[in-house]
C-alpha atoms as a PDB file:
ATOM      1  CA  UNK A   1     -18.097  -7.750  -5.315  1.00  0.00           C
ATOM      2  CA  UNK A   2     -17.507  -6.819  -8.513  1.00  0.00           C
ATOM      3  CA  UNK A   3     -14.222  -8.560 -10.421  1.00  0.00           C
ATOM      4  CA  UNK A   4     -12.276  -8.298 -13.671  1.00  0.00           C
ATOM      5  CA  UNK A   5     -10.165  -9.841 -15.307  1.00  0.00           C
ATOM      6  CA  UNK A   6      -6.325  -8.530 -15.965  1.00  0.00           C
ATOM      7  CA  UNK A   7      -3.691 -11.140 -17.851  1.00  0.00           C
ATOM      8  CA  UNK A   8      -5.582 -15.004 -16.528  1.00  0.00           C
ATOM      9  CA  UNK A   9      -5.847 -13.212 -12.857  1.00  0.00           C
ATOM     10  CA  UNK A  10      -9.322 -12.304 -11.211  1.00  0.00           C
ATOM     11  CA  UNK A  11      -8.891  -9.021  -9.472  1.00  0.00           C
ATOM     12  CA  UNK A  12     -12.086  -8.500  -6.806  1.00  0.00           C
ATOM     13  CA  UNK A  13     -12.524  -4.987  -6.061  1.00  0.00           C
ATOM     14  CA  UNK A  14     -15.002  -2.704  -4.419  1.00  0.00           C
ATOM     15  CA  UNK A  15     -16.330   0.901  -5.236  1.00  0.00           C
ATOM     16  CA  UNK A  16     -18.081   3.372  -3.561  1.00  0.00           C
ATOM     17  CA  UNK A  17     -19.082   7.023  -3.797  1.00  0.00           C
ATOM     18  CA  UNK A  18     -19.659   9.148  -6.633  1.00  0.00           C
ATOM     19  CA  UNK A  19     -17.302  11.676  -8.620  1.00  0.00           C
ATOM     20  CA  UNK A  20     -13.728  11.567  -9.767  1.00  0.00           C
ATOM     21  CA  UNK A  21     -11.460   8.056  -9.843  1.00  0.00           C
ATOM     22  CA  UNK A  22      -9.500   7.587  -6.491  1.00  0.00           C
ATOM     23  CA  UNK A  23      -7.910   3.900  -6.213  1.00  0.00           C
ATOM     24  CA  UNK A  24      -6.499   2.511  -2.988  1.00  0.00           C
ATOM     25  CA  UNK A  25      -3.628   0.561  -3.198  1.00  0.00           C
ATOM     26  CA  UNK A  26      -2.921  -1.856   0.061  1.00  0.00           C
ATOM     27  CA  UNK A  27       0.115  -3.266   1.914  1.00  0.00           C
ATOM     28  CA  UNK A  28       1.294  -6.408   2.076  1.00  0.00           C
ATOM     29  CA  UNK A  29      -0.774  -9.018   3.934  1.00  0.00           C
ATOM     30  CA  UNK A  30      -3.856  -6.739   4.129  1.00  0.00           C
ATOM     31  CA  UNK A  31      -6.613  -5.972   1.429  1.00  0.00           C
ATOM     32  CA  UNK A  32      -7.980  -3.313  -0.272  1.00  0.00           C
ATOM     33  CA  UNK A  33     -10.881  -3.016   2.735  1.00  0.00           C
ATOM     34  CA  UNK A  34      -8.558  -3.766   6.085  1.00  0.00           C
ATOM     35  CA  UNK A  35      -6.335  -1.162   5.589  1.00  0.00           C
ATOM     36  CA  UNK A  36      -8.865   1.509   4.015  1.00  0.00           C
ATOM     37  CA  UNK A  37     -12.252   0.036   4.566  1.00  0.00           C
ATOM     38  CA  UNK A  38     -12.743   2.936   7.490  1.00  0.00           C
ATOM     39  CA  UNK A  39     -11.596   5.105   6.103  1.00  0.00           C
ATOM     40  CA  UNK A  40     -13.601   5.275   2.758  1.00  0.00           C
ATOM     41  CA  UNK A  41     -16.893   7.115   3.951  1.00  0.00           C
ATOM     42  CA  UNK A  42     -13.937   9.724   4.188  1.00  0.00           C
ATOM     43  CA  UNK A  43     -13.880  10.440   0.112  1.00  0.00           C
ATOM     44  CA  UNK A  44     -16.665   9.230  -0.582  1.00  0.00           C
ATOM     45  CA  UNK A  45     -18.507  12.289  -1.043  1.00  0.00           C
ATOM     46  CA  UNK A  46     -16.378  13.466  -3.420  1.00  0.00           C
ATOM     47  CA  UNK A  47     -14.921  10.393  -5.515  1.00  0.00           C
ATOM     48  CA  UNK A  48     -15.468   6.745  -6.712  1.00  0.00           C
ATOM     49  CA  UNK A  49     -13.750   5.065  -4.166  1.00  0.00           C
ATOM     50  CA  UNK A  50     -11.879   2.388  -5.594  1.00  0.00           C
ATOM     51  CA  UNK A  51     -10.346  -0.408  -3.667  1.00  0.00           C
ATOM     52  CA  UNK A  52      -8.693  -3.712  -5.571  1.00  0.00           C
ATOM     53  CA  UNK A  53      -6.925  -6.644  -4.036  1.00  0.00           C
ATOM     54  CA  UNK A  54      -4.030  -7.494  -6.046  1.00  0.00           C
ATOM     55  CA  UNK A  55      -2.809 -10.666  -6.264  1.00  0.00           C
ATOM     56  CA  UNK A  56      -1.936 -12.444  -3.237  1.00  0.00           C
ATOM     57  CA  UNK A  57      -4.599 -10.861  -1.311  1.00  0.00           C
ATOM     58  CA  UNK A  58      -8.763 -11.662  -0.460  1.00  0.00           C
ATOM     59  CA  UNK A  59     -10.542 -13.301  -3.095  1.00  0.00           C
ATOM     60  CA  UNK A  60      -8.127 -12.256  -5.910  1.00  0.00           C
ATOM     61  CA  UNK A  61      -6.412 -15.373  -7.992  1.00  0.00           C
ATOM     62  CA  UNK A  62      -3.925 -15.824  -9.967  1.00  0.00           C
ATOM     63  CA  UNK A  63      -1.366 -18.336 -10.883  1.00  0.00           C
ATOM     64  CA  UNK A  64       0.967 -18.790  -8.369  1.00  0.00           C
ATOM     65  CA  UNK A  65       3.553 -17.602  -9.550  1.00  0.00           C
ATOM     66  CA  UNK A  66       6.427 -15.128  -8.223  1.00  0.00           C
ATOM     67  CA  UNK A  67       4.631 -11.716  -7.549  1.00  0.00           C
ATOM     68  CA  UNK A  68       6.483  -8.161  -9.941  1.00  0.00           C
ATOM     69  CA  UNK A  69       5.092  -4.821  -9.279  1.00  0.00           C
ATOM     70  CA  UNK A  70       4.543  -4.427 -13.335  1.00  0.00           C
ATOM     71  CA  UNK A  71       1.458  -7.317 -12.284  1.00  0.00           C
ATOM     72  CA  UNK A  72       0.227  -5.557  -9.930  1.00  0.00           C
ATOM     73  CA  UNK A  73      -0.090  -2.841 -11.081  1.00  0.00           C
ATOM     74  CA  UNK A  74      -1.371  -4.061 -14.348  1.00  0.00           C
ATOM     75  CA  UNK A  75      -4.171  -5.733 -11.900  1.00  0.00           C
ATOM     76  CA  UNK A  76      -5.122  -2.378  -9.808  1.00  0.00           C
ATOM     77  CA  UNK A  77      -5.608  -0.084 -12.978  1.00  0.00           C
ATOM     78  CA  UNK A  78      -7.610  -2.709 -14.776  1.00  0.00           C
ATOM     79  CA  UNK A  79     -10.052  -2.225 -11.339  1.00  0.00           C
ATOM     80  CA  UNK A  80      -9.815   1.388 -12.258  1.00  0.00           C
ATOM     81  CA  UNK A  81     -11.211   1.055 -15.211  1.00  0.00           C
ATOM     82  CA  UNK A  82     -14.071  -0.814 -14.759  1.00  0.00           C
ATOM     83  CA  UNK A  83     -14.792   2.081 -12.313  1.00  0.00           C
ATOM     84  CA  UNK A  84     -13.765   4.983 -14.541  1.00  0.00           C
ATOM     85  CA  UNK A  85     -12.640   6.383 -17.801  1.00  0.00           C
ATOM     86  CA  UNK A  86     -11.239   9.185 -16.517  1.00  0.00           C
ATOM     87  CA  UNK A  87      -7.451   9.460 -15.214  1.00  0.00           C
ATOM     88  CA  UNK A  88      -7.885   8.669 -11.340  1.00  0.00           C
ATOM     89  CA  UNK A  89      -5.677   9.626  -8.209  1.00  0.00           C
ATOM     90  CA  UNK A  90      -3.845   6.535  -6.530  1.00  0.00           C
ATOM     91  CA  UNK A  91      -2.838   6.342  -2.908  1.00  0.00           C
ATOM     92  CA  UNK A  92      -0.677   3.459  -2.528  1.00  0.00           C
ATOM     93  CA  UNK A  93       0.680   2.329   1.320  1.00  0.00           C
ATOM     94  CA  UNK A  94       3.703   0.412   1.759  1.00  0.00           C
ATOM     95  CA  UNK A  95       3.927  -2.199  -1.273  1.00  0.00           C
ATOM     96  CA  UNK A  96       0.649  -0.171  -2.407  1.00  0.00           C
ATOM     97  CA  UNK A  97       3.406   3.154  -3.149  1.00  0.00           C
ATOM     98  CA  UNK A  98       5.723   0.879  -5.042  1.00  0.00           C
ATOM     99  CA  UNK A  99       2.546  -0.593  -6.776  1.00  0.00           C
ATOM    100  CA  UNK A 100       1.209   3.301  -6.953  1.00  0.00           C
ATOM    101  CA  UNK A 101       5.082   4.456  -8.545  1.00  0.00           C
ATOM    102  CA  UNK A 102       4.582   1.607 -11.301  1.00  0.00           C
ATOM    103  CA  UNK A 103       1.075   1.957 -12.662  1.00  0.00           C
ATOM    104  CA  UNK A 104       2.304   5.679 -12.956  1.00  0.00           C
ATOM    105  CA  UNK A 105       5.237   4.553 -14.926  1.00  0.00           C
ATOM    106  CA  UNK A 106       3.765   2.051 -17.148  1.00  0.00           C
ATOM    107  CA  UNK A 107       0.159   3.938 -18.096  1.00  0.00           C
ATOM    108  CA  UNK A 108       0.638   7.539 -17.032  1.00  0.00           C
ATOM    109  CA  UNK A 109      -2.571   8.798 -19.396  1.00  0.00           C
ATOM    110  CA  UNK A 110      -4.639   6.851 -16.568  1.00  0.00           C
ATOM    111  CA  UNK A 111      -2.984   8.073 -13.172  1.00  0.00           C
ATOM    112  CA  UNK A 112      -3.783  12.072 -12.408  1.00  0.00           C
ATOM    113  CA  UNK A 113      -1.822  12.483  -9.098  1.00  0.00           C
ATOM    114  CA  UNK A 114      -0.347  10.222  -6.612  1.00  0.00           C
ATOM    115  CA  UNK A 115      -0.001   9.765  -2.546  1.00  0.00           C
ATOM    116  CA  UNK A 116       2.625   7.539  -2.018  1.00  0.00           C
ATOM    117  CA  UNK A 117       2.567   6.517   2.390  1.00  0.00           C
ATOM    118  CA  UNK A 118       5.283   4.285   4.251  1.00  0.00           C
ATOM    119  CA  UNK A 119       7.054   3.566   0.608  1.00  0.00           C
ATOM    120  CA  UNK A 120      10.536   3.011  -0.361  1.00  0.00           C
ATOM    121  CA  UNK A 121      12.532   2.656  -3.893  1.00  0.00           C
ATOM    122  CA  UNK A 122      15.150   0.469  -3.093  1.00  0.00           C
ATOM    123  CA  UNK A 123      15.979  -2.957  -2.151  1.00  0.00           C
ATOM    124  CA  UNK A 124      19.598  -2.665  -1.027  1.00  0.00           C
ATOM    125  CA  UNK A 125      18.761  -1.254   3.002  1.00  0.00           C
ATOM    126  CA  UNK A 126      20.475  -3.312   4.715  1.00  0.00           C
ATOM    127  CA  UNK A 127      18.375  -2.995   8.198  1.00  0.00           C
ATOM    128  CA  UNK A 128      15.124  -3.438   5.821  1.00  0.00           C
ATOM    129  CA  UNK A 129      16.162  -6.060   4.171  1.00  0.00           C
ATOM    130  CA  UNK A 130      17.425  -7.827   7.901  1.00  0.00           C
ATOM    131  CA  UNK A 131      13.781  -6.992   8.854  1.00  0.00           C
ATOM    132  CA  UNK A 132      11.724  -8.459   5.716  1.00  0.00           C
ATOM    133  CA  UNK A 133      14.315 -11.567   5.849  1.00  0.00           C
ATOM    134  CA  UNK A 134      12.879 -11.797   9.289  1.00  0.00           C
ATOM    135  CA  UNK A 135       9.803 -11.747   8.585  1.00  0.00           C
ATOM    136  CA  UNK A 136       9.461 -14.399   5.528  1.00  0.00           C
ATOM    137  CA  UNK A 137      11.471 -16.908   7.627  1.00  0.00           C
ATOM    138  CA  UNK A 138       9.600 -16.298  10.766  1.00  0.00           C
ATOM    139  CA  UNK A 139       6.362 -17.975   8.878  1.00  0.00           C
ATOM    140  CA  UNK A 140       8.326 -21.446   7.820  1.00  0.00           C
ATOM    141  CA  UNK A 141       9.551 -21.949  11.425  1.00  0.00           C
ATOM    142  CA  UNK A 142       7.039 -20.458  13.613  1.00  0.00           C
ATOM    143  CA  UNK A 143       3.659 -18.560  13.197  1.00  0.00           C
ATOM    144  CA  UNK A 144       2.849 -18.013  16.533  1.00  0.00           C
ATOM    145  CA  UNK A 145       6.316 -15.559  16.105  1.00  0.00           C
ATOM    146  CA  UNK A 146       5.358 -14.299  12.805  1.00  0.00           C
ATOM    147  CA  UNK A 147       2.661 -12.365  13.313  1.00  0.00           C
ATOM    148  CA  UNK A 148       4.725 -11.362  16.770  1.00  0.00           C
ATOM    149  CA  UNK A 149       6.708 -10.071  14.819  1.00  0.00           C
ATOM    150  CA  UNK A 150       5.333  -8.029  12.341  1.00  0.00           C
ATOM    151  CA  UNK A 151       2.763  -6.618  15.110  1.00  0.00           C
ATOM    152  CA  UNK A 152       5.806  -5.269  16.831  1.00  0.00           C
ATOM    153  CA  UNK A 153       6.971  -3.378  13.742  1.00  0.00           C
ATOM    154  CA  UNK A 154       3.570  -2.061  12.749  1.00  0.00           C
ATOM    155  CA  UNK A 155       2.785   0.247  15.130  1.00  0.00           C
ATOM    156  CA  UNK A 156       4.758   2.374  17.727  1.00  0.00           C
ATOM    157  CA  UNK A 157       5.312   1.117  20.660  1.00  0.00           C
ATOM    158  CA  UNK A 158       2.566   3.316  22.848  1.00  0.00           C
ATOM    159  CA  UNK A 159      -0.447   2.636  20.600  1.00  0.00           C
ATOM    160  CA  UNK A 160       0.076  -0.902  20.772  1.00  0.00           C
ATOM    161  CA  UNK A 161       0.146  -1.074  24.721  1.00  0.00           C
ATOM    162  CA  UNK A 162      -3.349   0.814  24.608  1.00  0.00           C
ATOM    163  CA  UNK A 163      -4.841  -1.503  21.713  1.00  0.00           C
ATOM    164  CA  UNK A 164      -7.760  -3.579  22.939  1.00  0.00           C
ATOM    165  CA  UNK A 165      -7.456  -7.749  21.313  1.00  0.00           C
ATOM    166  CA  UNK A 166     -10.860  -6.519  18.613  1.00  0.00           C
ATOM    167  CA  UNK A 167      -8.795  -3.337  17.546  1.00  0.00           C
ATOM    168  CA  UNK A 168      -5.283  -5.223  16.790  1.00  0.00           C
ATOM    169  CA  UNK A 169      -7.104  -8.049  14.848  1.00  0.00           C
ATOM    170  CA  UNK A 170      -9.523  -6.048  12.933  1.00  0.00           C
ATOM    171  CA  UNK A 171      -6.446  -3.532  11.858  1.00  0.00           C
ATOM    172  CA  UNK A 172      -3.591  -6.114  11.499  1.00  0.00           C
ATOM    173  CA  UNK A 173      -3.058  -6.907   7.544  1.00  0.00           C
ATOM    174  CA  UNK A 174      -0.190  -9.455   7.741  1.00  0.00           C
ATOM    175  CA  UNK A 175      -0.475 -11.214  10.821  1.00  0.00           C
ATOM    176  CA  UNK A 176      -1.211 -15.164   9.668  1.00  0.00           C
ATOM    177  CA  UNK A 177       0.540 -17.110   7.638  1.00  0.00           C
ATOM    178  CA  UNK A 178      -0.830 -17.931   4.076  1.00  0.00           C
ATOM    179  CA  UNK A 179       0.883 -18.528   0.398  1.00  0.00           C
ATOM    180  CA  UNK A 180      -0.399 -15.241  -0.926  1.00  0.00           C
ATOM    181  CA  UNK A 181       1.037 -12.609   1.548  1.00  0.00           C
ATOM    182  CA  UNK A 182       4.934 -15.059   1.447  1.00  0.00           C
ATOM    183  CA  UNK A 183       4.479 -14.359  -1.967  1.00  0.00           C
ATOM    184  CA  UNK A 184       3.890 -10.134  -1.469  1.00  0.00           C
ATOM    185  CA  UNK A 185       6.918 -10.297   1.388  1.00  0.00           C
ATOM    186  CA  UNK A 186       9.457 -11.669  -1.191  1.00  0.00           C
ATOM    187  CA  UNK A 187       7.866  -8.949  -4.034  1.00  0.00           C
ATOM    188  CA  UNK A 188       9.228  -6.334  -0.630  1.00  0.00           C
ATOM    189  CA  UNK A 189      12.264  -8.060  -0.356  1.00  0.00           C
ATOM    190  CA  UNK A 190      13.422  -7.461  -4.311  1.00  0.00           C
ATOM    191  CA  UNK A 191      12.025  -4.897  -4.870  1.00  0.00           C
ATOM    192  CA  UNK A 192      13.495  -1.188  -6.447  1.00  0.00           C
ATOM    193  CA  UNK A 193      11.731   1.436  -8.404  1.00  0.00           C
ATOM    194  CA  UNK A 194      14.763   3.825  -8.080  1.00  0.00           C
ATOM    195  CA  UNK A 195      14.807   4.059 -12.067  1.00  0.00           C
ATOM    196  CA  UNK A 196      11.374   5.233 -12.115  1.00  0.00           C
ATOM    197  CA  UNK A 197      11.699   8.308 -10.244  1.00  0.00           C
ATOM    198  CA  UNK A 198      13.054  10.673 -11.984  1.00  0.00           C
ATOM    199  CA  UNK A 199      10.423  10.284 -14.620  1.00  0.00           C
ATOM    200  CA  UNK A 200       7.243  10.632 -12.470  1.00  0.00           C
ATOM    201  CA  UNK A 201       4.880  13.470 -14.230  1.00  0.00           C
ATOM    202  CA  UNK A 202       1.757  13.912 -12.286  1.00  0.00           C
ATOM    203  CA  UNK A 203       2.145  15.871  -8.872  1.00  0.00           C
ATOM    204  CA  UNK A 204       2.755  13.665  -6.042  1.00  0.00           C
ATOM    205  CA  UNK A 205       2.602  13.517  -1.983  1.00  0.00           C
ATOM    206  CA  UNK A 206       4.789  11.861  -0.173  1.00  0.00           C
ATOM    207  CA  UNK A 207       3.891  10.649   3.072  1.00  0.00           C
ATOM    208  CA  UNK A 208       6.747  10.039   5.783  1.00  0.00           C
ATOM    209  CA  UNK A 209       6.021   8.448   9.146  1.00  0.00           C
ATOM    210  CA  UNK A 210       8.223   9.485  11.629  1.00  0.00           C
ATOM    211  CA  UNK A 211       8.158   6.029  14.238  1.00  0.00           C
ATOM    212  CA  UNK A 212       8.028   3.451  11.477  1.00  0.00           C
ATOM    213  CA  UNK A 213       9.825   0.981  12.525  1.00  0.00           C
ATOM    214  CA  UNK A 214       8.843  -1.958   9.454  1.00  0.00           C
ATOM    215  CA  UNK A 215      10.232   0.948   6.490  1.00  0.00           C
ATOM    216  CA  UNK A 216      11.975   3.667   8.440  1.00  0.00           C
ATOM    217  CA  UNK A 217      11.520   7.290   7.325  1.00  0.00           C
ATOM    218  CA  UNK A 218      14.553   7.907   5.628  1.00  0.00           C
ATOM    219  CA  UNK A 219      12.880   5.774   2.969  1.00  0.00           C
ATOM    220  CA  UNK A 220      10.033   8.129   2.368  1.00  0.00           C
ATOM    221  CA  UNK A 221      12.594  10.934   2.324  1.00  0.00           C
ATOM    222  CA  UNK A 222      14.429   9.214  -0.214  1.00  0.00           C
ATOM    223  CA  UNK A 223      11.481   8.948  -2.682  1.00  0.00           C
ATOM    224  CA  UNK A 224      10.258  12.551  -2.153  1.00  0.00           C
ATOM    225  CA  UNK A 225      13.990  13.718  -3.321  1.00  0.00           C
ATOM    226  CA  UNK A 226      13.848  11.540  -5.962  1.00  0.00           C
ATOM    227  CA  UNK A 227      10.575  12.800  -7.578  1.00  0.00           C
ATOM    228  CA  UNK A 228      10.646  15.742  -9.612  1.00  0.00           C
ATOM    229  CA  UNK A 229       8.066  18.765  -7.795  1.00  0.00           C
ATOM    230  CA  UNK A 230       6.843  16.017  -5.607  1.00  0.00           C
ATOM    231  CA  UNK A 231       5.159  17.135  -1.433  1.00  0.00           C
ATOM    232  CA  UNK A 232       6.306  16.247   1.118  1.00  0.00           C
ATOM    233  CA  UNK A 233       4.881  15.397   5.509  1.00  0.00           C
ATOM    234  CA  UNK A 234       5.692  13.073   8.253  1.00  0.00           C
ATOM    235  CA  UNK A 235       3.259  11.736  10.364  1.00  0.00           C
ATOM    236  CA  UNK A 236       3.747  10.615  14.020  1.00  0.00           C
ATOM    237  CA  UNK A 237       2.715   7.626  13.468  1.00  0.00           C
ATOM    238  CA  UNK A 238       4.678   3.585  12.924  1.00  0.00           C
ATOM    239  CA  UNK A 239       3.795   1.950   9.690  1.00  0.00           C
ATOM    240  CA  UNK A 240       0.487   0.944   9.700  1.00  0.00           C
ATOM    241  CA  UNK A 241      -1.171   4.489   9.688  1.00  0.00           C
ATOM    242  CA  UNK A 242      -4.399   3.748   8.370  1.00  0.00           C
ATOM    243  CA  UNK A 243      -4.823   2.601  12.232  1.00  0.00           C
ATOM    244  CA  UNK A 244      -2.905   4.266  14.447  1.00  0.00           C
ATOM    245  CA  UNK A 245      -3.308   7.693  12.190  1.00  0.00           C
ATOM    246  CA  UNK A 246      -6.354   7.561  10.878  1.00  0.00           C
ATOM    247  CA  UNK A 247      -7.105  11.544  10.532  1.00  0.00           C
ATOM    248  CA  UNK A 248      -4.048  12.911  10.239  1.00  0.00           C
ATOM    249  CA  UNK A 249      -4.232  10.834   7.110  1.00  0.00           C
ATOM    250  CA  UNK A 250      -7.226  11.380   6.107  1.00  0.00           C
ATOM    251  CA  UNK A 251      -6.308  15.119   5.721  1.00  0.00           C
ATOM    252  CA  UNK A 252      -3.832  15.354   4.413  1.00  0.00           C
ATOM    253  CA  UNK A 253      -4.741  12.936   1.563  1.00  0.00           C
ATOM    254  CA  UNK A 254      -8.153  15.309   1.129  1.00  0.00           C
ATOM    255  CA  UNK A 255      -6.020  18.636   1.075  1.00  0.00           C
ATOM    256  CA  UNK A 256      -3.424  17.345  -1.432  1.00  0.00           C
ATOM    257  CA  UNK A 257      -6.382  16.208  -3.966  1.00  0.00           C
ATOM    258  CA  UNK A 258      -8.067  19.871  -3.088  1.00  0.00           C
END
């Protein structure tokens, strides 16, 4: 697996395909592979797909300090820069959506278009704060309850009820307690990007998940309203849309990038 060094962090990433760069930024507790690995073939015929693992995930190694969006944005753009000299399209899922916005704000010359999936802009929504705080505290109290809790929030009830154990294990990111995921949850609790959104000048697609129980869909609607000239759509899915509704997600992204 290729790697690059960004401000002292060894960032691991994967690339596949040929063509304009498509940077896929994962969510909390996941890796590029767990969120997007099963989707790469859908894009690699037209794009050089880049899947980095930012700090706290995969084999990426950093100094263990609290994470910032600026730090993670620099890491994923560092991986993209190894794969392509040209501006890249950026897809960010969940926390990765905030990282993608920060990347476009810090390095607009490196970002061609944005797709923001199941993201959020603000840190003062009480319901979301309660959900993330409980998620974090359960890690200290009972790792099994931590895993059960987040698993219940990632999918719609009907989809989860019909999953077999093997598919479930392959799909779920963040269901096991580890130090990197806990730092990412803490970042997700405090991150607020409202001030950045009016300045986003690249074409942007915002994708909301209509049945999202972790980050309610109103947050995606707020992102769309705050980003000038953005496009918006909703998918019938829970939060973990790359696993629950991959065909709809891929179709939405491909149509936008086309």
